[in-house]
Amino acid sequence: DCFTLKAGRGRDGRRVNRPTENVVIR
């Protein structure tokens, strides 16, 4: 993938629970 947004995987991602937010690609 070129430009990609991610925020953690499954149970470990839920434990951390940090979003990706407020992103501008222009």
mmCIF file of all heavy atoms, coordinates in Angstrom:
data_MODEL
# 
_entry.id   MODEL 
# 
loop_
_atom_site.group_PDB 
_atom_site.id 
_atom_site.type_symbol 
_atom_site.label_atom_id 
_atom_site.label_alt_id 
_atom_site.label_comp_id 
_atom_site.label_asym_id 
_atom_site.label_entity_id 
_atom_site.label_seq_id 
_atom_site.pdbx_PDB_ins_code 
_atom_site.Cartn_x 
_atom_site.Cartn_y 
_atom_site.Cartn_z 
_atom_site.occupancy 
_atom_site.B_iso_or_equiv 
_atom_site.pdbx_formal_charge 
_atom_site.auth_seq_id 
_atom_site.auth_comp_id 
_atom_site.auth_asym_id 
_atom_site.auth_atom_id 
_atom_site.pdbx_PDB_model_num 
ATOM 1   N N   . ASP A 1 1  ? 0.823   -1.210  0.000  1.00 0.00 ? 1  ASP A N   1 
ATOM 2   C CA  . ASP A 1 1  ? 0.000   0.000   0.000  1.00 0.00 ? 1  ASP A CA  1 
ATOM 3   C C   . ASP A 1 1  ? 0.858   1.262   0.000  1.00 0.00 ? 1  ASP A C   1 
ATOM 4   O O   . ASP A 1 1  ? 1.986   1.262   0.502  1.00 0.00 ? 1  ASP A O   1 
ATOM 5   C CB  . ASP A 1 1  ? -0.912  0.003   1.226  1.00 0.00 ? 1  ASP A CB  1 
ATOM 6   C CG  . ASP A 1 1  ? -1.988  -1.073  1.136  1.00 0.00 ? 1  ASP A CG  1 
ATOM 7   O OD1 . ASP A 1 1  ? -2.532  -1.266  0.036  1.00 0.00 ? 1  ASP A OD1 1 
ATOM 8   O OD2 . ASP A 1 1  ? -2.274  -1.716  2.159  1.00 0.00 ? 1  ASP A OD2 1 
ATOM 9   N N   . CYS A 1 2  ? 0.294   2.346   -0.525 1.00 0.00 ? 2  CYS A N   1 
ATOM 10  C CA  . CYS A 1 2  ? 1.029   3.617   -0.614 1.00 0.00 ? 2  CYS A CA  1 
ATOM 11  C C   . CYS A 1 2  ? 0.818   4.437   0.662  1.00 0.00 ? 2  CYS A C   1 
ATOM 12  O O   . CYS A 1 2  ? 1.639   4.414   1.565  1.00 0.00 ? 2  CYS A O   1 
ATOM 13  C CB  . CYS A 1 2  ? 0.595   4.374   -1.859 1.00 0.00 ? 2  CYS A CB  1 
ATOM 14  S SG  . CYS A 1 2  ? 1.026   3.532   -3.417 1.00 0.00 ? 2  CYS A SG  1 
ATOM 15  N N   . PHE A 1 3  ? -0.264  5.200   0.751  1.00 0.00 ? 3  PHE A N   1 
ATOM 16  C CA  . PHE A 1 3  ? -0.578  5.976   1.949  1.00 0.00 ? 3  PHE A CA  1 
ATOM 17  C C   . PHE A 1 3  ? -1.533  5.139   2.797  1.00 0.00 ? 3  PHE A C   1 
ATOM 18  O O   . PHE A 1 3  ? -2.607  4.762   2.337  1.00 0.00 ? 3  PHE A O   1 
ATOM 19  C CB  . PHE A 1 3  ? -1.230  7.309   1.569  1.00 0.00 ? 3  PHE A CB  1 
ATOM 20  C CG  . PHE A 1 3  ? -0.364  8.175   0.700  1.00 0.00 ? 3  PHE A CG  1 
ATOM 21  C CD1 . PHE A 1 3  ? -0.431  8.079   -0.680 1.00 0.00 ? 3  PHE A CD1 1 
ATOM 22  C CD2 . PHE A 1 3  ? 0.524   9.072   1.259  1.00 0.00 ? 3  PHE A CD2 1 
ATOM 23  C CE1 . PHE A 1 3  ? 0.364   8.870   -1.501 1.00 0.00 ? 3  PHE A CE1 1 
ATOM 24  C CE2 . PHE A 1 3  ? 1.332   9.875   0.453  1.00 0.00 ? 3  PHE A CE2 1 
ATOM 25  C CZ  . PHE A 1 3  ? 1.257   9.769   -0.924 1.00 0.00 ? 3  PHE A CZ  1 
ATOM 26  N N   . THR A 1 4  ? -1.146  4.858   4.043  1.00 0.00 ? 4  THR A N   1 
ATOM 27  C CA  . THR A 1 4  ? -1.882  3.888   4.848  1.00 0.00 ? 4  THR A CA  1 
ATOM 28  C C   . THR A 1 4  ? -2.137  4.425   6.250  1.00 0.00 ? 4  THR A C   1 
ATOM 29  O O   . THR A 1 4  ? -1.252  5.049   6.851  1.00 0.00 ? 4  THR A O   1 
ATOM 30  C CB  . THR A 1 4  ? -1.094  2.561   4.931  1.00 0.00 ? 4  THR A CB  1 
ATOM 31  O OG1 . THR A 1 4  ? -0.717  2.149   3.616  1.00 0.00 ? 4  THR A OG1 1 
ATOM 32  C CG2 . THR A 1 4  ? -1.917  1.473   5.565  1.00 0.00 ? 4  THR A CG2 1 
ATOM 33  N N   . LEU A 1 5  ? -3.327  4.155   6.773  1.00 0.00 ? 5  LEU A N   1 
ATOM 34  C CA  . LEU A 1 5  ? -3.710  4.569   8.118  1.00 0.00 ? 5  LEU A CA  1 
ATOM 35  C C   . LEU A 1 5  ? -3.982  3.319   8.944  1.00 0.00 ? 5  LEU A C   1 
ATOM 36  O O   . LEU A 1 5  ? -4.769  2.455   8.529  1.00 0.00 ? 5  LEU A O   1 
ATOM 37  C CB  . LEU A 1 5  ? -4.971  5.450   8.080  1.00 0.00 ? 5  LEU A CB  1 
ATOM 38  C CG  . LEU A 1 5  ? -4.920  6.805   7.366  1.00 0.00 ? 5  LEU A CG  1 
ATOM 39  C CD1 . LEU A 1 5  ? -3.758  7.645   7.884  1.00 0.00 ? 5  LEU A CD1 1 
ATOM 40  C CD2 . LEU A 1 5  ? -4.868  6.682   5.858  1.00 0.00 ? 5  LEU A CD2 1 
ATOM 41  N N   . LYS A 1 6  ? -3.339  3.219   10.117 1.00 0.00 ? 6  LYS A N   1 
ATOM 42  C CA  . LYS A 1 6  ? -3.454  2.035   10.960 1.00 0.00 ? 6  LYS A CA  1 
ATOM 43  C C   . LYS A 1 6  ? -3.621  2.448   12.424 1.00 0.00 ? 6  LYS A C   1 
ATOM 44  O O   . LYS A 1 6  ? -3.233  3.552   12.803 1.00 0.00 ? 6  LYS A O   1 
ATOM 45  C CB  . LYS A 1 6  ? -2.220  1.149   10.814 1.00 0.00 ? 6  LYS A CB  1 
ATOM 46  C CG  . LYS A 1 6  ? -2.013  0.604   9.391  1.00 0.00 ? 6  LYS A CG  1 
ATOM 47  C CD  . LYS A 1 6  ? -0.764  -0.231  9.288  1.00 0.00 ? 6  LYS A CD  1 
ATOM 48  C CE  . LYS A 1 6  ? -0.553  -0.798  7.897  1.00 0.00 ? 6  LYS A CE  1 
ATOM 49  N NZ  . LYS A 1 6  ? -1.570  -1.814  7.546  1.00 0.00 ? 6  LYS A NZ  1 
ATOM 50  N N   . ALA A 1 7  ? -4.177  1.514   13.245 1.00 0.00 ? 7  ALA A N   1 
ATOM 51  C CA  . ALA A 1 7  ? -4.422  1.868   14.650 1.00 0.00 ? 7  ALA A CA  1 
ATOM 52  C C   . ALA A 1 7  ? -4.396  0.645   15.559 1.00 0.00 ? 7  ALA A C   1 
ATOM 53  O O   . ALA A 1 7  ? -5.139  0.580   16.531 1.00 0.00 ? 7  ALA A O   1 
ATOM 54  C CB  . ALA A 1 7  ? -5.764  2.591   14.782 1.00 0.00 ? 7  ALA A CB  1 
ATOM 55  N N   . GLY A 1 8  ? -3.527  -0.316  15.289 1.00 0.00 ? 8  GLY A N   1 
ATOM 56  C CA  . GLY A 1 8  ? -3.391  -1.458  16.181 1.00 0.00 ? 8  GLY A CA  1 
ATOM 57  C C   . GLY A 1 8  ? -4.226  -2.646  15.745 1.00 0.00 ? 8  GLY A C   1 
ATOM 58  O O   . GLY A 1 8  ? -5.253  -2.502  15.092 1.00 0.00 ? 8  GLY A O   1 
ATOM 59  N N   . ARG A 1 9  ? -3.767  -3.833  16.177 1.00 0.00 ? 9  ARG A N   1 
ATOM 60  C CA  . ARG A 1 9  ? -4.386  -5.064  15.708 1.00 0.00 ? 9  ARG A CA  1 
ATOM 61  C C   . ARG A 1 9  ? -5.029  -5.840  16.856 1.00 0.00 ? 9  ARG A C   1 
ATOM 62  O O   . ARG A 1 9  ? -4.385  -6.123  17.871 1.00 0.00 ? 9  ARG A O   1 
ATOM 63  C CB  . ARG A 1 9  ? -3.326  -5.948  15.040 1.00 0.00 ? 9  ARG A CB  1 
ATOM 64  C CG  . ARG A 1 9  ? -3.867  -7.255  14.488 1.00 0.00 ? 9  ARG A CG  1 
ATOM 65  C CD  . ARG A 1 9  ? -2.766  -8.132  13.933 1.00 0.00 ? 9  ARG A CD  1 
ATOM 66  N NE  . ARG A 1 9  ? -2.128  -7.570  12.761 1.00 0.00 ? 9  ARG A NE  1 
ATOM 67  C CZ  . ARG A 1 9  ? -1.782  -8.277  11.686 1.00 0.00 ? 9  ARG A CZ  1 
ATOM 68  N NH1 . ARG A 1 9  ? -2.017  -9.571  11.629 1.00 0.00 ? 9  ARG A NH1 1 
ATOM 69  N NH2 . ARG A 1 9  ? -1.177  -7.706  10.681 1.00 0.00 ? 9  ARG A NH2 1 
ATOM 70  N N   . GLY A 1 10 ? -6.292  -6.177  16.699 1.00 0.00 ? 10 GLY A N   1 
ATOM 71  C CA  . GLY A 1 10 ? -6.966  -7.115  17.566 1.00 0.00 ? 10 GLY A CA  1 
ATOM 72  C C   . GLY A 1 10 ? -6.860  -6.785  19.053 1.00 0.00 ? 10 GLY A C   1 
ATOM 73  O O   . GLY A 1 10 ? -6.970  -5.634  19.485 1.00 0.00 ? 10 GLY A O   1 
ATOM 74  N N   . ARG A 1 11 ? -6.632  -7.826  19.861 1.00 0.00 ? 11 ARG A N   1 
ATOM 75  C CA  . ARG A 1 11 ? -6.649  -7.665  21.319 1.00 0.00 ? 11 ARG A CA  1 
ATOM 76  C C   . ARG A 1 11 ? -5.538  -6.746  21.806 1.00 0.00 ? 11 ARG A C   1 
ATOM 77  O O   . ARG A 1 11 ? -5.751  -5.938  22.715 1.00 0.00 ? 11 ARG A O   1 
ATOM 78  C CB  . ARG A 1 11 ? -6.538  -9.039  21.988 1.00 0.00 ? 11 ARG A CB  1 
ATOM 79  C CG  . ARG A 1 11 ? -7.760  -9.912  21.758 1.00 0.00 ? 11 ARG A CG  1 
ATOM 80  C CD  . ARG A 1 11 ? -7.755  -11.158 22.622 1.00 0.00 ? 11 ARG A CD  1 
ATOM 81  N NE  . ARG A 1 11 ? -8.900  -11.994 22.308 1.00 0.00 ? 11 ARG A NE  1 
ATOM 82  C CZ  . ARG A 1 11 ? -10.130 -11.786 22.770 1.00 0.00 ? 11 ARG A CZ  1 
ATOM 83  N NH1 . ARG A 1 11 ? -10.364 -10.766 23.586 1.00 0.00 ? 11 ARG A NH1 1 
ATOM 84  N NH2 . ARG A 1 11 ? -11.127 -12.590 22.441 1.00 0.00 ? 11 ARG A NH2 1 
ATOM 85  N N   . ASP A 1 12 ? -4.356  -6.844  21.220 1.00 0.00 ? 12 ASP A N   1 
ATOM 86  C CA  . ASP A 1 12 ? -3.280  -5.963  21.667 1.00 0.00 ? 12 ASP A CA  1 
ATOM 87  C C   . ASP A 1 12 ? -3.574  -4.517  21.288 1.00 0.00 ? 12 ASP A C   1 
ATOM 88  O O   . ASP A 1 12 ? -3.288  -3.592  22.054 1.00 0.00 ? 12 ASP A O   1 
ATOM 89  C CB  . ASP A 1 12 ? -1.945  -6.415  21.072 1.00 0.00 ? 12 ASP A CB  1 
ATOM 90  C CG  . ASP A 1 12 ? -0.766  -5.950  21.925 1.00 0.00 ? 12 ASP A CG  1 
ATOM 91  O OD1 . ASP A 1 12 ? -0.710  -6.338  23.109 1.00 0.00 ? 12 ASP A OD1 1 
ATOM 92  O OD2 . ASP A 1 12 ? 0.078   -5.190  21.416 1.00 0.00 ? 12 ASP A OD2 1 
ATOM 93  N N   . GLY A 1 13 ? -4.166  -4.319  20.125 1.00 0.00 ? 13 GLY A N   1 
ATOM 94  C CA  . GLY A 1 13 ? -4.561  -2.975  19.732 1.00 0.00 ? 13 GLY A CA  1 
ATOM 95  C C   . GLY A 1 13 ? -5.660  -2.407  20.603 1.00 0.00 ? 13 GLY A C   1 
ATOM 96  O O   . GLY A 1 13 ? -5.677  -1.210  20.923 1.00 0.00 ? 13 GLY A O   1 
ATOM 97  N N   . ARG A 1 14 ? -6.587  -3.269  21.029 1.00 0.00 ? 14 ARG A N   1 
ATOM 98  C CA  . ARG A 1 14 ? -7.636  -2.816  21.935 1.00 0.00 ? 14 ARG A CA  1 
ATOM 99  C C   . ARG A 1 14 ? -7.058  -2.457  23.305 1.00 0.00 ? 14 ARG A C   1 
ATOM 100 O O   . ARG A 1 14 ? -7.519  -1.520  23.966 1.00 0.00 ? 14 ARG A O   1 
ATOM 101 C CB  . ARG A 1 14 ? -8.695  -3.911  22.095 1.00 0.00 ? 14 ARG A CB  1 
ATOM 102 C CG  . ARG A 1 14 ? -9.594  -4.079  20.881 1.00 0.00 ? 14 ARG A CG  1 
ATOM 103 C CD  . ARG A 1 14 ? -10.514 -2.919  20.679 1.00 0.00 ? 14 ARG A CD  1 
ATOM 104 N NE  . ARG A 1 14 ? -11.425 -2.754  21.820 1.00 0.00 ? 14 ARG A NE  1 
ATOM 105 C CZ  . ARG A 1 14 ? -12.110 -1.652  22.075 1.00 0.00 ? 14 ARG A CZ  1 
ATOM 106 N NH1 . ARG A 1 14 ? -11.959 -0.594  21.299 1.00 0.00 ? 14 ARG A NH1 1 
ATOM 107 N NH2 . ARG A 1 14 ? -12.932 -1.594  23.114 1.00 0.00 ? 14 ARG A NH2 1 
ATOM 108 N N   . ARG A 1 15 ? -6.075  -3.221  23.748 1.00 0.00 ? 15 ARG A N   1 
ATOM 109 C CA  . ARG A 1 15 ? -5.437  -2.912  25.035 1.00 0.00 ? 15 ARG A CA  1 
ATOM 110 C C   . ARG A 1 15 ? -4.833  -1.508  25.005 1.00 0.00 ? 15 ARG A C   1 
ATOM 111 O O   . ARG A 1 15 ? -5.001  -0.728  25.950 1.00 0.00 ? 15 ARG A O   1 
ATOM 112 C CB  . ARG A 1 15 ? -4.354  -3.952  25.322 1.00 0.00 ? 15 ARG A CB  1 
ATOM 113 C CG  . ARG A 1 15 ? -3.530  -3.660  26.573 1.00 0.00 ? 15 ARG A CG  1 
ATOM 114 C CD  . ARG A 1 15 ? -2.405  -4.680  26.725 1.00 0.00 ? 15 ARG A CD  1 
ATOM 115 N NE  . ARG A 1 15 ? -1.449  -4.634  25.638 1.00 0.00 ? 15 ARG A NE  1 
ATOM 116 C CZ  . ARG A 1 15 ? -0.449  -3.754  25.540 1.00 0.00 ? 15 ARG A CZ  1 
ATOM 117 N NH1 . ARG A 1 15 ? -0.306  -2.805  26.458 1.00 0.00 ? 15 ARG A NH1 1 
ATOM 118 N NH2 . ARG A 1 15 ? 0.382   -3.793  24.518 1.00 0.00 ? 15 ARG A NH2 1 
ATOM 119 N N   . VAL A 1 16 ? -4.147  -1.176  23.938 1.00 0.00 ? 16 VAL A N   1 
ATOM 120 C CA  . VAL A 1 16 ? -3.535  0.147   23.801 1.00 0.00 ? 16 VAL A CA  1 
ATOM 121 C C   . VAL A 1 16 ? -4.605  1.210   23.549 1.00 0.00 ? 16 VAL A C   1 
ATOM 122 O O   . VAL A 1 16 ? -4.599  2.293   24.138 1.00 0.00 ? 16 VAL A O   1 
ATOM 123 C CB  . VAL A 1 16 ? -2.496  0.133   22.667 1.00 0.00 ? 16 VAL A CB  1 
ATOM 124 C CG1 . VAL A 1 16 ? -1.935  1.526   22.422 1.00 0.00 ? 16 VAL A CG1 1 
ATOM 125 C CG2 . VAL A 1 16 ? -1.383  -0.862  22.977 1.00 0.00 ? 16 VAL A CG2 1 
ATOM 126 N N   . ASN A 1 17 ? -5.493  0.909   22.592 1.00 0.00 ? 17 ASN A N   1 
ATOM 127 C CA  . ASN A 1 17 ? -6.666  1.743   22.292 1.00 0.00 ? 17 ASN A CA  1 
ATOM 128 C C   . ASN A 1 17 ? -6.301  3.197   21.988 1.00 0.00 ? 17 ASN A C   1 
ATOM 129 O O   . ASN A 1 17 ? -6.840  4.133   22.578 1.00 0.00 ? 17 ASN A O   1 
ATOM 130 C CB  . ASN A 1 17 ? -7.662  1.686   23.451 1.00 0.00 ? 17 ASN A CB  1 
ATOM 131 C CG  . ASN A 1 17 ? -9.050  2.153   23.023 1.00 0.00 ? 17 ASN A CG  1 
ATOM 132 O OD1 . ASN A 1 17 ? -9.422  2.015   21.860 1.00 0.00 ? 17 ASN A OD1 1 
ATOM 133 N ND2 . ASN A 1 17 ? -9.809  2.696   23.945 1.00 0.00 ? 17 ASN A ND2 1 
ATOM 134 N N   . ARG A 1 18 ? -5.384  3.382   21.032 1.00 0.00 ? 18 ARG A N   1 
ATOM 135 C CA  . ARG A 1 18 ? -5.022  4.731   20.586 1.00 0.00 ? 18 ARG A CA  1 
ATOM 136 C C   . ARG A 1 18 ? -5.425  4.900   19.130 1.00 0.00 ? 18 ARG A C   1 
ATOM 137 O O   . ARG A 1 18 ? -5.025  4.112   18.264 1.00 0.00 ? 18 ARG A O   1 
ATOM 138 C CB  . ARG A 1 18 ? -3.527  4.984   20.756 1.00 0.00 ? 18 ARG A CB  1 
ATOM 139 C CG  . ARG A 1 18 ? -3.099  5.027   22.211 1.00 0.00 ? 18 ARG A CG  1 
ATOM 140 C CD  . ARG A 1 18 ? -1.655  5.422   22.376 1.00 0.00 ? 18 ARG A CD  1 
ATOM 141 N NE  . ARG A 1 18 ? -1.372  6.765   21.888 1.00 0.00 ? 18 ARG A NE  1 
ATOM 142 C CZ  . ARG A 1 18 ? -0.266  7.448   22.203 1.00 0.00 ? 18 ARG A CZ  1 
ATOM 143 N NH1 . ARG A 1 18 ? 0.639   6.909   23.014 1.00 0.00 ? 18 ARG A NH1 1 
ATOM 144 N NH2 . ARG A 1 18 ? -0.068  8.653   21.724 1.00 0.00 ? 18 ARG A NH2 1 
ATOM 145 N N   . PRO A 1 19 ? -6.222  5.926   18.824 1.00 0.00 ? 19 PRO A N   1 
ATOM 146 C CA  . PRO A 1 19 ? -6.701  6.104   17.453 1.00 0.00 ? 19 PRO A CA  1 
ATOM 147 C C   . PRO A 1 19 ? -5.648  6.739   16.546 1.00 0.00 ? 19 PRO A C   1 
ATOM 148 O O   . PRO A 1 19 ? -4.662  7.313   17.005 1.00 0.00 ? 19 PRO A O   1 
ATOM 149 C CB  . PRO A 1 19 ? -7.885  7.054   17.620 1.00 0.00 ? 19 PRO A CB  1 
ATOM 150 C CG  . PRO A 1 19 ? -7.500  7.887   18.807 1.00 0.00 ? 19 PRO A CG  1 
ATOM 151 C CD  . PRO A 1 19 ? -6.759  6.950   19.728 1.00 0.00 ? 19 PRO A CD  1 
ATOM 152 N N   . THR A 1 20 ? -5.890  6.641   15.264 1.00 0.00 ? 20 THR A N   1 
ATOM 153 C CA  . THR A 1 20 ? -5.277  7.538   14.291 1.00 0.00 ? 20 THR A CA  1 
ATOM 154 C C   . THR A 1 20 ? -6.367  8.532   13.907 1.00 0.00 ? 20 THR A C   1 
ATOM 155 O O   . THR A 1 20 ? -7.456  8.139   13.475 1.00 0.00 ? 20 THR A O   1 
ATOM 156 C CB  . THR A 1 20 ? -4.786  6.767   13.062 1.00 0.00 ? 20 THR A CB  1 
ATOM 157 O OG1 . THR A 1 20 ? -3.545  6.126   13.378 1.00 0.00 ? 20 THR A OG1 1 
ATOM 158 C CG2 . THR A 1 20 ? -4.558  7.686   11.876 1.00 0.00 ? 20 THR A CG2 1 
ATOM 159 N N   . GLU A 1 21 ? -6.094  9.816   14.077 1.00 0.00 ? 21 GLU A N   1 
ATOM 160 C CA  . GLU A 1 21 ? -7.143  10.808  13.849 1.00 0.00 ? 21 GLU A CA  1 
ATOM 161 C C   . GLU A 1 21 ? -6.559  12.146  13.413 1.00 0.00 ? 21 GLU A C   1 
ATOM 162 O O   . GLU A 1 21 ? -5.420  12.471  13.726 1.00 0.00 ? 21 GLU A O   1 
ATOM 163 C CB  . GLU A 1 21 ? -7.986  10.994  15.109 1.00 0.00 ? 21 GLU A CB  1 
ATOM 164 C CG  . GLU A 1 21 ? -7.227  11.445  16.327 1.00 0.00 ? 21 GLU A CG  1 
ATOM 165 C CD  . GLU A 1 21 ? -8.097  11.453  17.576 1.00 0.00 ? 21 GLU A CD  1 
ATOM 166 O OE1 . GLU A 1 21 ? -9.313  11.231  17.476 1.00 0.00 ? 21 GLU A OE1 1 
ATOM 167 O OE2 . GLU A 1 21 ? -7.537  11.690  18.674 1.00 0.00 ? 21 GLU A OE2 1 
ATOM 168 N N   . ASN A 1 22 ? -7.382  12.869  12.667 1.00 0.00 ? 22 ASN A N   1 
ATOM 169 C CA  . ASN A 1 22 ? -7.016  14.201  12.171 1.00 0.00 ? 22 ASN A CA  1 
ATOM 170 C C   . ASN A 1 22 ? -5.801  14.105  11.250 1.00 0.00 ? 22 ASN A C   1 
ATOM 171 O O   . ASN A 1 22 ? -4.697  14.560  11.575 1.00 0.00 ? 22 ASN A O   1 
ATOM 172 C CB  . ASN A 1 22 ? -6.738  15.165  13.325 1.00 0.00 ? 22 ASN A CB  1 
ATOM 173 C CG  . ASN A 1 22 ? -7.900  15.289  14.285 1.00 0.00 ? 22 ASN A CG  1 
ATOM 174 O OD1 . ASN A 1 22 ? -9.029  14.941  13.948 1.00 0.00 ? 22 ASN A OD1 1 
ATOM 175 N ND2 . ASN A 1 22 ? -7.628  15.773  15.485 1.00 0.00 ? 22 ASN A ND2 1 
ATOM 176 N N   . VAL A 1 23 ? -6.028  13.508  10.094 1.00 0.00 ? 23 VAL A N   1 
ATOM 177 C CA  . VAL A 1 23 ? -4.969  13.299  9.099  1.00 0.00 ? 23 VAL A CA  1 
ATOM 178 C C   . VAL A 1 23 ? -5.406  13.927  7.782  1.00 0.00 ? 23 VAL A C   1 
ATOM 179 O O   . VAL A 1 23 ? -6.516  13.669  7.293  1.00 0.00 ? 23 VAL A O   1 
ATOM 180 C CB  . VAL A 1 23 ? -4.681  11.803  8.890  1.00 0.00 ? 23 VAL A CB  1 
ATOM 181 C CG1 . VAL A 1 23 ? -3.602  11.599  7.817  1.00 0.00 ? 23 VAL A CG1 1 
ATOM 182 C CG2 . VAL A 1 23 ? -4.262  11.138  10.207 1.00 0.00 ? 23 VAL A CG2 1 
ATOM 183 N N   . VAL A 1 24 ? -4.536  14.750  7.200  1.00 0.00 ? 24 VAL A N   1 
ATOM 184 C CA  . VAL A 1 24 ? -4.783  15.363  5.890  1.00 0.00 ? 24 VAL A CA  1 
ATOM 185 C C   . VAL A 1 24 ? -3.698  14.903  4.926  1.00 0.00 ? 24 VAL A C   1 
ATOM 186 O O   . VAL A 1 24 ? -2.504  14.999  5.226  1.00 0.00 ? 24 VAL A O   1 
ATOM 187 C CB  . VAL A 1 24 ? -4.797  16.900  5.984  1.00 0.00 ? 24 VAL A CB  1 
ATOM 188 C CG1 . VAL A 1 24 ? -4.852  17.519  4.587  1.00 0.00 ? 24 VAL A CG1 1 
ATOM 189 C CG2 . VAL A 1 24 ? -5.981  17.365  6.824  1.00 0.00 ? 24 VAL A CG2 1 
ATOM 190 N N   . ILE A 1 25 ? -4.121  14.394  3.773  1.00 0.00 ? 25 ILE A N   1 
ATOM 191 C CA  . ILE A 1 25 ? -3.211  14.001  2.694  1.00 0.00 ? 25 ILE A CA  1 
ATOM 192 C C   . ILE A 1 25 ? -3.601  14.835  1.479  1.00 0.00 ? 25 ILE A C   1 
ATOM 193 O O   . ILE A 1 25 ? -4.738  14.741  0.995  1.00 0.00 ? 25 ILE A O   1 
ATOM 194 C CB  . ILE A 1 25 ? -3.331  12.496  2.380  1.00 0.00 ? 25 ILE A CB  1 
ATOM 195 C CG1 . ILE A 1 25 ? -3.034  11.669  3.625  1.00 0.00 ? 25 ILE A CG1 1 
ATOM 196 C CG2 . ILE A 1 25 ? -2.397  12.112  1.233  1.00 0.00 ? 25 ILE A CG2 1 
ATOM 197 C CD1 . ILE A 1 25 ? -3.309  10.173  3.457  1.00 0.00 ? 25 ILE A CD1 1 
ATOM 198 N N   . ARG A 1 26 ? -2.668  15.663  0.984  1.00 0.00 ? 26 ARG A N   1 
ATOM 199 C CA  . ARG A 1 26 ? -3.029  16.554  -0.109 1.00 0.00 ? 26 ARG A CA  1 
ATOM 200 C C   . ARG A 1 26 ? -1.879  16.686  -1.107 1.00 0.00 ? 26 ARG A C   1 
ATOM 201 O O   . ARG A 1 26 ? -0.711  16.571  -0.765 1.00 0.00 ? 26 ARG A O   1 
ATOM 202 C CB  . ARG A 1 26 ? -3.414  17.927  0.427  1.00 0.00 ? 26 ARG A CB  1 
ATOM 203 C CG  . ARG A 1 26 ? -2.288  18.680  1.130  1.00 0.00 ? 26 ARG A CG  1 
ATOM 204 C CD  . ARG A 1 26 ? -2.772  19.988  1.736  1.00 0.00 ? 26 ARG A CD  1 
ATOM 205 N NE  . ARG A 1 26 ? -1.665  20.751  2.311  1.00 0.00 ? 26 ARG A NE  1 
ATOM 206 C CZ  . ARG A 1 26 ? -1.792  21.904  2.957  1.00 0.00 ? 26 ARG A CZ  1 
ATOM 207 N NH1 . ARG A 1 26 ? -2.995  22.427  3.131  1.00 0.00 ? 26 ARG A NH1 1 
ATOM 208 N NH2 . ARG A 1 26 ? -0.736  22.545  3.434  1.00 0.00 ? 26 ARG A NH2 1 
# 
